[in-house]
N, C-alpha and C. Protein backbone atom coordinates (compact mmCIF):
# COMPACT_ATOMS: atom_id res chain seq x y z
N MET A 1 -1.12 11.81 4.22
CA MET A 1 -0.96 12.15 2.79
C MET A 1 -0.40 10.93 2.05
N GLN A 2 -1.01 10.62 0.94
CA GLN A 2 -0.52 9.51 0.14
C GLN A 2 0.76 9.90 -0.58
N LEU A 3 1.57 8.91 -0.89
CA LEU A 3 2.84 9.17 -1.58
C LEU A 3 2.62 9.83 -2.92
N THR A 4 1.58 9.45 -3.63
CA THR A 4 1.32 10.07 -4.94
C THR A 4 1.04 11.55 -4.78
N ASP A 5 0.30 11.92 -3.73
CA ASP A 5 0.05 13.36 -3.45
C ASP A 5 1.37 14.08 -3.15
N LEU A 6 2.29 13.42 -2.41
CA LEU A 6 3.55 14.00 -2.09
C LEU A 6 4.37 14.20 -3.37
N VAL A 7 4.33 13.24 -4.27
CA VAL A 7 4.99 13.37 -5.57
C VAL A 7 4.48 14.60 -6.30
N HIS A 8 3.15 14.78 -6.31
CA HIS A 8 2.56 15.90 -7.02
C HIS A 8 2.93 17.22 -6.35
N ASP A 9 3.10 17.24 -5.04
CA ASP A 9 3.60 18.43 -4.37
C ASP A 9 5.05 18.76 -4.82
N TYR A 10 5.88 17.74 -4.86
CA TYR A 10 7.26 17.95 -5.32
C TYR A 10 7.26 18.47 -6.79
N LEU A 11 6.41 17.86 -7.63
CA LEU A 11 6.34 18.31 -9.02
C LEU A 11 5.89 19.75 -9.13
N SER A 12 4.94 20.16 -8.32
CA SER A 12 4.44 21.54 -8.40
C SER A 12 5.48 22.54 -7.90
N GLN A 13 6.37 22.10 -7.05
CA GLN A 13 7.49 22.97 -6.60
C GLN A 13 8.62 23.03 -7.63
N GLN A 14 8.76 21.95 -8.42
CA GLN A 14 9.86 21.81 -9.41
C GLN A 14 9.56 22.35 -10.76
N LEU A 15 8.41 22.01 -11.29
CA LEU A 15 8.12 22.25 -12.73
C LEU A 15 7.53 23.64 -12.95
N LYS A 16 8.00 24.29 -14.01
CA LYS A 16 7.56 25.62 -14.41
C LYS A 16 7.11 25.54 -15.89
N PRO A 17 6.27 26.51 -16.30
CA PRO A 17 5.88 26.55 -17.71
C PRO A 17 7.11 26.49 -18.65
N GLY A 18 7.02 25.67 -19.66
CA GLY A 18 8.11 25.52 -20.61
C GLY A 18 9.12 24.41 -20.31
N ASP A 19 9.04 23.83 -19.11
CA ASP A 19 9.95 22.76 -18.72
C ASP A 19 9.67 21.48 -19.48
N HIS A 20 10.61 20.56 -19.44
CA HIS A 20 10.45 19.18 -19.95
C HIS A 20 10.39 18.25 -18.77
N ALA A 21 9.53 17.24 -18.87
CA ALA A 21 9.40 16.23 -17.80
C ALA A 21 9.10 14.89 -18.44
N LEU A 22 9.29 13.83 -17.66
CA LEU A 22 9.13 12.50 -18.18
C LEU A 22 8.46 11.62 -17.14
N ASP A 23 7.42 10.89 -17.53
CA ASP A 23 6.75 9.93 -16.68
C ASP A 23 7.14 8.56 -17.25
N ALA A 24 8.07 7.88 -16.54
CA ALA A 24 8.67 6.65 -17.06
C ALA A 24 7.73 5.45 -16.96
N THR A 25 6.69 5.55 -16.14
CA THR A 25 5.70 4.48 -15.97
C THR A 25 4.34 5.14 -15.87
N ALA A 26 3.73 5.46 -17.00
CA ALA A 26 2.53 6.30 -17.05
C ALA A 26 1.35 5.76 -16.29
N GLY A 27 1.17 4.45 -16.28
CA GLY A 27 0.02 3.86 -15.54
C GLY A 27 -1.30 4.45 -16.00
N ASN A 28 -2.05 5.01 -15.06
CA ASN A 28 -3.33 5.62 -15.38
C ASN A 28 -3.26 7.08 -15.71
N GLY A 29 -2.06 7.63 -15.78
CA GLY A 29 -1.87 8.99 -16.28
C GLY A 29 -1.94 10.09 -15.27
N TYR A 30 -1.95 9.81 -14.00
CA TYR A 30 -2.06 10.86 -12.99
C TYR A 30 -0.81 11.77 -12.98
N ASP A 31 0.37 11.18 -12.91
CA ASP A 31 1.59 11.98 -12.90
C ASP A 31 1.74 12.74 -14.20
N SER A 32 1.48 12.06 -15.31
CA SER A 32 1.57 12.72 -16.62
C SER A 32 0.70 13.97 -16.72
N THR A 33 -0.53 13.86 -16.21
CA THR A 33 -1.45 14.96 -16.24
C THR A 33 -1.00 16.13 -15.38
N VAL A 34 -0.52 15.83 -14.19
CA VAL A 34 0.01 16.87 -13.31
C VAL A 34 1.18 17.57 -14.00
N MET A 35 2.11 16.78 -14.58
CA MET A 35 3.26 17.35 -15.25
C MET A 35 2.83 18.23 -16.42
N ALA A 36 1.92 17.71 -17.26
CA ALA A 36 1.48 18.48 -18.42
C ALA A 36 0.81 19.79 -18.06
N THR A 37 0.04 19.76 -17.00
CA THR A 37 -0.60 20.98 -16.51
C THR A 37 0.43 21.98 -16.04
N LEU A 38 1.45 21.54 -15.34
CA LEU A 38 2.49 22.41 -14.79
C LEU A 38 3.41 22.97 -15.88
N VAL A 39 3.78 22.19 -16.87
CA VAL A 39 4.71 22.69 -17.89
C VAL A 39 3.98 23.54 -18.95
N GLY A 40 2.66 23.36 -19.03
CA GLY A 40 1.86 24.17 -19.94
C GLY A 40 2.13 23.86 -21.40
N PRO A 41 1.47 24.62 -22.27
CA PRO A 41 1.59 24.40 -23.75
C PRO A 41 3.01 24.62 -24.28
N ALA A 42 3.81 25.42 -23.58
CA ALA A 42 5.18 25.65 -24.05
C ALA A 42 6.14 24.54 -23.59
N GLY A 43 5.69 23.68 -22.73
CA GLY A 43 6.51 22.61 -22.17
C GLY A 43 6.33 21.32 -22.95
N ARG A 44 6.99 20.29 -22.46
CA ARG A 44 6.97 18.98 -23.10
C ARG A 44 6.99 17.91 -22.02
N VAL A 45 6.11 16.90 -22.17
CA VAL A 45 6.08 15.74 -21.27
C VAL A 45 6.14 14.51 -22.16
N ILE A 46 6.95 13.54 -21.74
CA ILE A 46 6.99 12.24 -22.43
C ILE A 46 6.48 11.25 -21.40
N ALA A 47 5.43 10.48 -21.79
CA ALA A 47 4.86 9.47 -20.93
C ALA A 47 5.04 8.11 -21.55
N ILE A 48 5.59 7.18 -20.77
CA ILE A 48 5.95 5.84 -21.28
C ILE A 48 5.25 4.81 -20.45
N ASP A 49 4.75 3.74 -21.10
CA ASP A 49 4.29 2.57 -20.38
C ASP A 49 4.37 1.40 -21.34
N ILE A 50 4.63 0.24 -20.79
CA ILE A 50 4.77 -0.98 -21.62
C ILE A 50 3.39 -1.51 -22.03
N GLN A 51 2.32 -1.11 -21.32
CA GLN A 51 1.00 -1.60 -21.61
C GLN A 51 0.15 -0.60 -22.41
N GLN A 52 -0.40 -1.07 -23.50
CA GLN A 52 -1.22 -0.22 -24.36
C GLN A 52 -2.44 0.33 -23.56
N ALA A 53 -2.99 -0.49 -22.66
CA ALA A 53 -4.11 -0.03 -21.82
C ALA A 53 -3.73 1.18 -20.97
N ALA A 54 -2.51 1.21 -20.49
CA ALA A 54 -2.03 2.33 -19.69
C ALA A 54 -1.89 3.57 -20.55
N ILE A 55 -1.39 3.41 -21.74
CA ILE A 55 -1.27 4.55 -22.67
C ILE A 55 -2.65 5.08 -23.01
N ALA A 56 -3.60 4.22 -23.26
CA ALA A 56 -4.96 4.63 -23.54
C ALA A 56 -5.58 5.37 -22.37
N ALA A 57 -5.40 4.87 -21.15
CA ALA A 57 -5.93 5.54 -19.95
C ALA A 57 -5.25 6.89 -19.77
N THR A 58 -3.98 6.98 -20.01
CA THR A 58 -3.25 8.25 -19.88
C THR A 58 -3.77 9.26 -20.91
N ARG A 59 -3.95 8.81 -22.15
CA ARG A 59 -4.47 9.67 -23.21
C ARG A 59 -5.86 10.24 -22.82
N THR A 60 -6.72 9.36 -22.31
CA THR A 60 -8.06 9.78 -21.90
C THR A 60 -7.99 10.84 -20.81
N ARG A 61 -7.13 10.63 -19.80
CA ARG A 61 -7.01 11.57 -18.69
C ARG A 61 -6.42 12.91 -19.19
N LEU A 62 -5.42 12.85 -20.06
CA LEU A 62 -4.81 14.08 -20.63
C LEU A 62 -5.85 14.86 -21.47
N GLU A 63 -6.61 14.12 -22.29
CA GLU A 63 -7.65 14.80 -23.10
C GLU A 63 -8.67 15.49 -22.20
N ALA A 64 -9.10 14.83 -21.15
CA ALA A 64 -10.07 15.40 -20.23
C ALA A 64 -9.56 16.66 -19.54
N ALA A 65 -8.25 16.68 -19.31
CA ALA A 65 -7.62 17.84 -18.65
C ALA A 65 -7.23 18.95 -19.68
N GLY A 66 -7.39 18.62 -20.94
CA GLY A 66 -7.08 19.62 -21.98
C GLY A 66 -5.59 19.87 -22.16
N CYS A 67 -4.76 18.84 -21.91
CA CYS A 67 -3.31 19.06 -22.01
C CYS A 67 -2.62 17.95 -22.78
N LEU A 68 -3.30 17.28 -23.68
CA LEU A 68 -2.71 16.22 -24.46
C LEU A 68 -1.68 16.76 -25.46
N ALA A 69 -1.86 18.00 -25.93
CA ALA A 69 -1.00 18.53 -26.99
C ALA A 69 0.47 18.58 -26.60
N GLN A 70 0.80 18.78 -25.34
CA GLN A 70 2.19 18.90 -24.91
C GLN A 70 2.79 17.57 -24.46
N VAL A 71 2.09 16.46 -24.73
CA VAL A 71 2.56 15.16 -24.25
C VAL A 71 2.77 14.21 -25.40
N GLU A 72 3.92 13.53 -25.38
CA GLU A 72 4.23 12.46 -26.30
C GLU A 72 4.04 11.14 -25.55
N LEU A 73 3.18 10.26 -26.08
CA LEU A 73 2.91 8.98 -25.45
C LEU A 73 3.67 7.88 -26.15
N LEU A 74 4.40 7.05 -25.40
CA LEU A 74 5.18 5.94 -25.96
C LEU A 74 4.82 4.65 -25.32
N ALA A 75 4.35 3.68 -26.09
CA ALA A 75 4.10 2.34 -25.60
C ALA A 75 5.41 1.57 -25.78
N ALA A 76 6.17 1.39 -24.67
CA ALA A 76 7.50 0.78 -24.78
C ALA A 76 7.99 0.39 -23.40
N ASN A 77 9.00 -0.45 -23.38
CA ASN A 77 9.76 -0.76 -22.17
C ASN A 77 10.47 0.49 -21.73
N HIS A 78 10.37 0.85 -20.43
CA HIS A 78 10.94 2.12 -19.98
C HIS A 78 12.46 2.21 -20.14
N ALA A 79 13.18 1.07 -19.99
CA ALA A 79 14.65 1.11 -20.13
C ALA A 79 15.01 1.43 -21.58
N GLN A 80 14.38 0.74 -22.52
CA GLN A 80 14.70 0.97 -23.91
C GLN A 80 14.27 2.35 -24.36
N ALA A 81 13.10 2.78 -23.91
CA ALA A 81 12.61 4.11 -24.32
C ALA A 81 13.48 5.25 -23.79
N LEU A 82 13.84 5.15 -22.50
CA LEU A 82 14.66 6.22 -21.93
C LEU A 82 16.06 6.26 -22.58
N ALA A 83 16.62 5.08 -22.83
CA ALA A 83 17.94 5.02 -23.48
C ALA A 83 17.86 5.68 -24.88
N SER A 84 16.78 5.43 -25.61
CA SER A 84 16.66 5.99 -26.95
C SER A 84 16.43 7.49 -26.93
N LEU A 85 15.93 8.03 -25.82
CA LEU A 85 15.65 9.46 -25.70
C LEU A 85 16.90 10.27 -25.34
N CYS A 86 17.94 9.56 -24.86
CA CYS A 86 19.16 10.30 -24.35
C CYS A 86 19.79 11.19 -25.40
N SER A 87 19.85 10.76 -26.64
CA SER A 87 20.53 11.54 -27.66
C SER A 87 19.81 12.85 -27.93
N LYS A 88 18.50 12.84 -27.90
CA LYS A 88 17.69 14.03 -28.17
C LYS A 88 17.44 14.90 -26.96
N TYR A 89 17.29 14.29 -25.81
CA TYR A 89 16.86 15.02 -24.60
C TYR A 89 17.86 15.02 -23.47
N ALA A 90 19.13 14.73 -23.71
CA ALA A 90 20.12 14.69 -22.66
C ALA A 90 20.14 16.01 -21.88
N GLN A 91 20.10 15.88 -20.55
CA GLN A 91 20.19 17.01 -19.63
C GLN A 91 19.13 18.07 -19.87
N THR A 92 17.91 17.66 -20.27
CA THR A 92 16.83 18.63 -20.49
C THR A 92 15.63 18.44 -19.55
N MET A 93 15.53 17.30 -18.88
CA MET A 93 14.37 17.02 -18.08
C MET A 93 14.47 17.65 -16.67
N SER A 94 13.44 18.37 -16.30
CA SER A 94 13.39 18.95 -14.95
C SER A 94 12.90 17.98 -13.92
N ALA A 95 12.12 17.00 -14.32
CA ALA A 95 11.61 15.98 -13.41
C ALA A 95 11.31 14.69 -14.15
N ILE A 96 11.56 13.58 -13.46
CA ILE A 96 11.24 12.24 -13.99
C ILE A 96 10.58 11.46 -12.86
N THR A 97 9.45 10.82 -13.19
CA THR A 97 8.75 9.99 -12.16
C THR A 97 8.75 8.53 -12.60
N PHE A 98 8.75 7.65 -11.57
CA PHE A 98 8.61 6.22 -11.75
C PHE A 98 7.59 5.76 -10.69
N ASN A 99 6.67 4.88 -11.05
CA ASN A 99 5.83 4.15 -10.11
C ASN A 99 6.05 2.67 -10.43
N LEU A 100 6.77 1.99 -9.55
CA LEU A 100 7.22 0.63 -9.82
C LEU A 100 6.25 -0.37 -9.24
N GLY A 101 5.90 -1.37 -10.07
CA GLY A 101 4.97 -2.39 -9.67
C GLY A 101 4.16 -2.81 -10.86
N TYR A 102 2.83 -2.79 -10.75
CA TYR A 102 1.96 -3.17 -11.86
C TYR A 102 0.82 -2.16 -11.96
N LEU A 103 0.17 -2.14 -13.07
CA LEU A 103 -0.94 -1.23 -13.33
C LEU A 103 -2.15 -1.66 -12.50
N PRO A 104 -2.62 -0.80 -11.61
CA PRO A 104 -3.79 -1.17 -10.78
C PRO A 104 -4.96 -1.59 -11.67
N GLY A 105 -5.62 -2.69 -11.28
CA GLY A 105 -6.77 -3.15 -12.00
C GLY A 105 -6.45 -3.93 -13.28
N SER A 106 -5.16 -4.26 -13.47
CA SER A 106 -4.76 -5.00 -14.70
C SER A 106 -4.13 -6.34 -14.35
N ASP A 107 -3.53 -6.95 -15.29
CA ASP A 107 -2.82 -8.23 -15.12
C ASP A 107 -1.59 -8.02 -14.24
N LYS A 108 -1.61 -8.58 -13.04
CA LYS A 108 -0.54 -8.37 -12.08
C LYS A 108 0.77 -9.07 -12.50
N SER A 109 0.69 -9.94 -13.50
CA SER A 109 1.91 -10.58 -13.95
C SER A 109 2.75 -9.65 -14.82
N ILE A 110 2.15 -8.58 -15.30
CA ILE A 110 2.87 -7.57 -16.08
C ILE A 110 3.27 -6.47 -15.10
N GLN A 111 4.56 -6.46 -14.76
CA GLN A 111 5.04 -5.49 -13.78
C GLN A 111 6.47 -5.08 -14.10
N THR A 112 6.87 -4.01 -13.50
CA THR A 112 8.25 -3.56 -13.68
C THR A 112 9.20 -4.61 -13.16
N GLU A 113 10.36 -4.71 -13.79
CA GLU A 113 11.37 -5.70 -13.41
C GLU A 113 12.65 -4.96 -13.03
N PRO A 114 13.36 -5.48 -12.03
CA PRO A 114 14.56 -4.80 -11.57
C PRO A 114 15.57 -4.46 -12.68
N GLU A 115 15.85 -5.37 -13.55
CA GLU A 115 16.86 -5.14 -14.60
C GLU A 115 16.48 -3.98 -15.51
N SER A 116 15.25 -3.96 -15.98
CA SER A 116 14.83 -2.86 -16.86
C SER A 116 14.70 -1.54 -16.09
N THR A 117 14.24 -1.64 -14.82
CA THR A 117 14.15 -0.44 -14.02
C THR A 117 15.50 0.19 -13.79
N LEU A 118 16.50 -0.62 -13.50
CA LEU A 118 17.86 -0.07 -13.26
C LEU A 118 18.40 0.54 -14.55
N GLY A 119 18.13 -0.09 -15.71
CA GLY A 119 18.53 0.51 -16.99
C GLY A 119 17.85 1.85 -17.21
N ALA A 120 16.55 1.92 -16.88
CA ALA A 120 15.82 3.17 -17.03
C ALA A 120 16.33 4.24 -16.10
N LEU A 121 16.69 3.89 -14.88
CA LEU A 121 17.23 4.82 -13.91
C LEU A 121 18.62 5.37 -14.38
N ARG A 122 19.41 4.50 -14.96
CA ARG A 122 20.71 4.97 -15.46
C ARG A 122 20.50 5.99 -16.60
N ALA A 123 19.56 5.70 -17.47
CA ALA A 123 19.25 6.63 -18.56
C ALA A 123 18.65 7.94 -17.99
N ALA A 124 17.89 7.84 -16.93
CA ALA A 124 17.28 9.02 -16.31
C ALA A 124 18.35 9.97 -15.82
N CYS A 125 19.50 9.40 -15.37
CA CYS A 125 20.63 10.29 -14.95
C CYS A 125 21.10 11.16 -16.09
N GLU A 126 21.12 10.60 -17.28
CA GLU A 126 21.56 11.36 -18.46
C GLU A 126 20.51 12.38 -18.89
N LEU A 127 19.25 12.01 -18.70
CA LEU A 127 18.15 12.89 -19.16
C LEU A 127 17.91 14.07 -18.23
N LEU A 128 18.13 13.89 -16.93
CA LEU A 128 17.89 14.98 -16.00
C LEU A 128 18.90 16.09 -16.15
N LYS A 129 18.39 17.33 -16.09
CA LYS A 129 19.31 18.45 -16.10
C LYS A 129 19.84 18.65 -14.67
N SER A 130 20.85 19.46 -14.51
CA SER A 130 21.36 19.78 -13.18
C SER A 130 20.23 20.36 -12.34
N ASP A 131 20.11 19.91 -11.13
CA ASP A 131 19.07 20.28 -10.18
C ASP A 131 17.71 19.61 -10.54
N GLY A 132 17.73 18.66 -11.50
CA GLY A 132 16.54 17.95 -11.85
C GLY A 132 16.13 16.97 -10.72
N LEU A 133 14.87 16.60 -10.72
CA LEU A 133 14.29 15.82 -9.64
C LEU A 133 13.83 14.46 -10.16
N LEU A 134 14.27 13.40 -9.48
CA LEU A 134 13.88 12.02 -9.77
C LEU A 134 13.01 11.52 -8.63
N LEU A 135 11.79 11.14 -8.94
CA LEU A 135 10.81 10.70 -7.95
C LEU A 135 10.43 9.26 -8.25
N VAL A 136 10.72 8.34 -7.33
CA VAL A 136 10.50 6.90 -7.55
C VAL A 136 9.66 6.35 -6.40
N ILE A 137 8.45 5.84 -6.74
CA ILE A 137 7.64 5.11 -5.80
C ILE A 137 7.78 3.63 -6.13
N ALA A 138 8.12 2.83 -5.13
CA ALA A 138 8.19 1.38 -5.29
C ALA A 138 7.12 0.76 -4.42
N TYR A 139 6.25 0.01 -5.07
CA TYR A 139 5.24 -0.74 -4.35
C TYR A 139 5.83 -2.12 -4.04
N ARG A 140 6.03 -2.40 -2.76
CA ARG A 140 6.81 -3.54 -2.34
C ARG A 140 6.00 -4.75 -1.88
N GLY A 141 4.66 -4.65 -1.89
CA GLY A 141 3.83 -5.68 -1.29
C GLY A 141 3.47 -6.82 -2.25
N HIS A 142 3.93 -6.80 -3.46
CA HIS A 142 3.62 -7.89 -4.41
C HIS A 142 4.89 -8.70 -4.66
N ASP A 143 4.70 -9.88 -5.29
CA ASP A 143 5.85 -10.75 -5.60
C ASP A 143 6.84 -9.97 -6.44
N GLY A 144 8.05 -9.92 -6.03
CA GLY A 144 9.13 -9.24 -6.72
C GLY A 144 9.27 -7.78 -6.34
N GLY A 145 8.29 -7.20 -5.68
CA GLY A 145 8.31 -5.79 -5.34
C GLY A 145 9.43 -5.42 -4.38
N GLN A 146 9.64 -6.24 -3.36
CA GLN A 146 10.71 -5.94 -2.38
C GLN A 146 12.08 -6.08 -3.01
N THR A 147 12.27 -7.08 -3.86
CA THR A 147 13.55 -7.27 -4.56
C THR A 147 13.86 -6.06 -5.41
N GLU A 148 12.89 -5.59 -6.18
CA GLU A 148 13.09 -4.42 -7.02
C GLU A 148 13.41 -3.20 -6.17
N ALA A 149 12.67 -3.00 -5.08
CA ALA A 149 12.89 -1.84 -4.24
C ALA A 149 14.29 -1.86 -3.60
N THR A 150 14.76 -3.05 -3.22
CA THR A 150 16.11 -3.16 -2.66
C THR A 150 17.16 -2.76 -3.71
N GLN A 151 16.99 -3.23 -4.93
CA GLN A 151 17.95 -2.87 -6.00
C GLN A 151 17.93 -1.40 -6.31
N VAL A 152 16.74 -0.78 -6.29
CA VAL A 152 16.64 0.66 -6.51
C VAL A 152 17.31 1.42 -5.35
N ALA A 153 17.09 0.98 -4.13
CA ALA A 153 17.76 1.61 -2.97
C ALA A 153 19.26 1.54 -3.10
N ASN A 154 19.79 0.41 -3.53
CA ASN A 154 21.22 0.27 -3.72
C ASN A 154 21.73 1.21 -4.80
N TRP A 155 21.00 1.30 -5.91
CA TRP A 155 21.37 2.20 -7.00
C TRP A 155 21.34 3.66 -6.52
N LEU A 156 20.35 4.02 -5.75
CA LEU A 156 20.28 5.37 -5.24
C LEU A 156 21.45 5.72 -4.33
N GLN A 157 21.95 4.74 -3.60
CA GLN A 157 23.15 4.97 -2.78
C GLN A 157 24.33 5.32 -3.65
N THR A 158 24.43 4.75 -4.85
CA THR A 158 25.57 5.06 -5.72
C THR A 158 25.45 6.49 -6.25
N VAL A 159 24.27 6.97 -6.58
CA VAL A 159 24.13 8.35 -7.06
C VAL A 159 24.33 9.31 -5.91
N GLN A 160 23.95 8.92 -4.72
CA GLN A 160 24.17 9.79 -3.56
C GLN A 160 25.70 9.96 -3.32
N GLN A 161 26.42 8.87 -3.53
CA GLN A 161 27.88 8.95 -3.39
C GLN A 161 28.50 9.87 -4.44
N ARG A 162 27.79 10.06 -5.54
CA ARG A 162 28.28 10.98 -6.61
C ARG A 162 27.79 12.41 -6.37
N GLY A 163 27.16 12.67 -5.23
CA GLY A 163 26.78 14.03 -4.88
C GLY A 163 25.30 14.36 -4.97
N TRP A 164 24.50 13.42 -5.43
CA TRP A 164 23.04 13.69 -5.48
C TRP A 164 22.54 13.73 -4.02
N THR A 165 21.43 14.47 -3.83
CA THR A 165 20.74 14.35 -2.53
C THR A 165 19.61 13.37 -2.70
N VAL A 166 19.46 12.48 -1.72
CA VAL A 166 18.44 11.45 -1.76
C VAL A 166 17.76 11.40 -0.40
N GLU A 167 16.44 11.40 -0.46
CA GLU A 167 15.65 11.21 0.77
C GLU A 167 14.56 10.20 0.47
N SER A 168 13.99 9.62 1.55
CA SER A 168 12.91 8.68 1.33
C SER A 168 11.76 8.97 2.26
N HIS A 169 10.60 8.53 1.85
CA HIS A 169 9.36 8.71 2.62
C HIS A 169 8.61 7.38 2.62
N GLU A 170 8.16 6.96 3.80
CA GLU A 170 7.38 5.71 3.95
C GLU A 170 6.21 6.02 4.84
N PRO A 171 5.00 5.66 4.39
CA PRO A 171 3.85 5.84 5.27
C PRO A 171 3.91 4.84 6.44
N ILE A 172 3.33 5.29 7.55
CA ILE A 172 3.24 4.37 8.70
C ILE A 172 1.98 3.50 8.49
N VAL A 173 2.22 2.20 8.52
CA VAL A 173 1.17 1.25 8.29
C VAL A 173 1.05 0.33 9.46
N THR A 174 -0.20 0.09 9.87
CA THR A 174 -0.44 -0.92 10.93
C THR A 174 -0.77 -2.21 10.28
N GLY A 175 -0.46 -3.30 10.93
CA GLY A 175 -0.74 -4.60 10.37
C GLY A 175 0.45 -5.14 9.59
N SER A 176 0.17 -6.12 8.74
CA SER A 176 1.26 -6.82 8.06
C SER A 176 1.48 -6.34 6.64
N ARG A 177 0.70 -5.35 6.17
CA ARG A 177 0.87 -4.84 4.81
C ARG A 177 2.22 -4.13 4.65
N VAL A 178 2.92 -4.42 3.58
CA VAL A 178 4.21 -3.76 3.31
C VAL A 178 3.88 -2.45 2.59
N PRO A 179 4.27 -1.34 3.14
CA PRO A 179 3.93 -0.06 2.50
C PRO A 179 4.84 0.25 1.32
N PRO A 180 4.39 1.10 0.43
CA PRO A 180 5.27 1.57 -0.64
C PRO A 180 6.31 2.52 -0.05
N ILE A 181 7.30 2.86 -0.83
CA ILE A 181 8.32 3.82 -0.44
C ILE A 181 8.54 4.79 -1.58
N LEU A 182 8.75 6.03 -1.21
CA LEU A 182 9.04 7.11 -2.18
C LEU A 182 10.47 7.57 -1.95
N TRP A 183 11.27 7.57 -3.03
CA TRP A 183 12.58 8.19 -2.97
C TRP A 183 12.53 9.49 -3.79
N VAL A 184 13.15 10.50 -3.27
CA VAL A 184 13.25 11.80 -3.94
C VAL A 184 14.74 12.07 -4.07
N ALA A 185 15.21 12.09 -5.32
CA ALA A 185 16.62 12.32 -5.58
C ALA A 185 16.82 13.56 -6.44
N ARG A 186 17.72 14.43 -6.05
CA ARG A 186 18.01 15.64 -6.82
C ARG A 186 19.40 15.56 -7.41
N LYS A 187 19.47 15.74 -8.71
CA LYS A 187 20.77 15.68 -9.41
C LYS A 187 21.51 16.98 -9.13
N THR A 188 22.78 16.84 -8.74
CA THR A 188 23.60 18.04 -8.45
C THR A 188 24.73 18.10 -9.45
């Protein structure tokens, strides 16, 4: 099972009609579409990406699935966007997803950066409601990917020390390819 499929399984167990959810790195819109379908017309999803191409791809996928109406799309840096959402949406999100790395099929020089990711994760703490779920996939095989993943792992240790439950999933890979990692953190 791919990690993205595992994320979608976690989302389907977590999200109910009427919930709020946030896709902090919308990419091609897969997580956003799953979230929007699960929360339904009474729910709310916010999808963020720094690249306009990702927002356009997400919009197209949401329109095709018939669930664009319950999604707000933001072309922005995820740290700045999440921080600005805290005053309006503090402790309302049932789930938040991150896919760290770069947009597949795009300019690989445009990628998530450790500093902004850590800022976004700190804001995610404020946005998640009690028992909310934080799902973070880090793609570690590109330049800077392992460094970002290490910093995220260290940050997750700090929230675990504050009582959150944190688990990780890594696919078994043969050869020299560095696999992605999924962290699943539940706010307590």
